[in-house]
Amino acid sequence: MEAIFDLREKRNRVAELEKAMLQPGFWDNPESSRGVLKENADLKEIIATWEGYSQDLEEGELLLEMALEENDRDTLEEVGQKVQSLERSVHALEFRQMLSEEDDVRNAIVSINAGAGGTEAQDWVEMLLRMYLRWCERKQYATQVIDFLEGDEAGIKSVTFTATGGYAYGFLKAESGIHRLVRISPFDASGRRHTSFAAVFVYPEVDDTIAVDVNPSDLRVDTFRASGSGGQHVNKTSSAVRITHLPTGIVVQCQNEKSQHRNREIAMKILRARLYEKEKLAQEEKLQELHDNLEDIAWGNQIRSYVLQPYRLVKDHRTQMERGDVDRVLDGDLDAFVEAFLLNRMQSRGK
C-alpha cells in the first residue's frame, strides 16, 4: 500500500517544508509562510490517514487468520464489512489526490447560460440548475444564487450561483462546457423531439489573499432594477449592479441582494475570480475564448449529452462515461462523471 501511494515522497516533502520553516526570516512574509503551513498540514493529514488505513489492514489480516482457524462465521462477516469500509475510505483518499491543483480547494462560481433551442434551452438551464443544487446538497455545500434572468415564456435565460465548501471548484470544474439535451418537447403541441443546449462556466472564487489588480478606470458600473422575484424593494429601486471590465470585455452582474452596495461587492468578487482565471489560463498557455456568443452553444461543442428520447442515456464525450439512469443523474448524482473526468485529467498530466 505504501509503495502505491508513495508515502516516502510525501514524508520527504514534509521534511523539506519543516526545514524551511526553521530558516531565519521565514515568518517575515505572511503570504508565503501561510502557503507552506497549509501544504505541510495537508501532507501530514494525508500521511496520518494512510498510516491509519495500513494499521486497519494489518489488524484485519490478523482477525481473518483467527476467524479461518476457528471457523468463526460472525467474525468472518465482521472482517468482510471492515474490508468494504476500508476500500471506500481508500478510494475517497485516492479521489482526493486527484484534486491537487492550486485552485481545487476553493469555492466555486457557476454560471449557466441558455444556448440554441429557445424556450427549450431556457427550460434546460432550469433543469441543470436544479441538478447542480441537488448535487451541492448531497455534498453539504452552501449555495447562493447571485444572478438570475428569467426566460421569456418558461425556464431561465441565465443564472449564476456560488458553491461554498471544501474542493467545490475542484469537483465542479468537471462541468465546464456545453451540455446537450434531447427529449420530446413539453412546449411542442405536436410532441416532436427537440435538441437544446446550455453552457456551464465554472470559476474558482478568489479570496482576499490573492492579489488581482483592478484599475477603477477600467470599469464601467451600471445600476438597474432587478428582474424577477425579490419583493417590492428589489423591483422599485435600482439595486442591481452590472460591471464591465473594459480591457477584457468581461461583464458580471448581481441583482439578488436588496442593497446596491452588497450587489456591487459580490459582482466585484465574481469579476476578480474571472480575471484571475483568465490570467492563470494565459500563464499556462491554455487561454481559450469562452462562448460569449450563444450561437456557439450548439451542436458539435457539447461535453455531455442527456438523451431522454428515443432512448435514455447520459454520455460524457470527454471520458466516454455512460449512465442509463438519467433521472438519478438529473437529480444530482454526478459523482461518476466527475470522478471519470478527474481521473482522465490526472492521467493526461502524467503522460
Foldseek 3Di string as FASTA:
>chain_A
DCVVVVLVVLVVLLVVLVVCVPDPPLVVDVLVNVVSVVSNVVSVVLSVVVVVLVVLVVVLVVLVVVCVVVVPPVSVVVSVVSVVVSVVVVVVSVLVVLQPDPQQFFKKKKKKAWFPDAPVSQQVSQLQVLQAVLQLVVVVWDKDWFAFAAGPVHHTRMTMMITGDTRNLVQCVLQFWKEKEWAQDPVDPVRDIDITIMGMDMFGQDDPSDDDDADPVQKDKDFAQGDDDADDLRRPDRLKIWIARNVVRDIFIGRNDSHSVVRVVVRVRVVSRVSVVQVVCVVVVNRDDDCPDSNVRDPPTGQWYAYPPPAGKIAGPVQRDIDRPSVVSSSHPCVVSSSSSSVVVVVVVVD
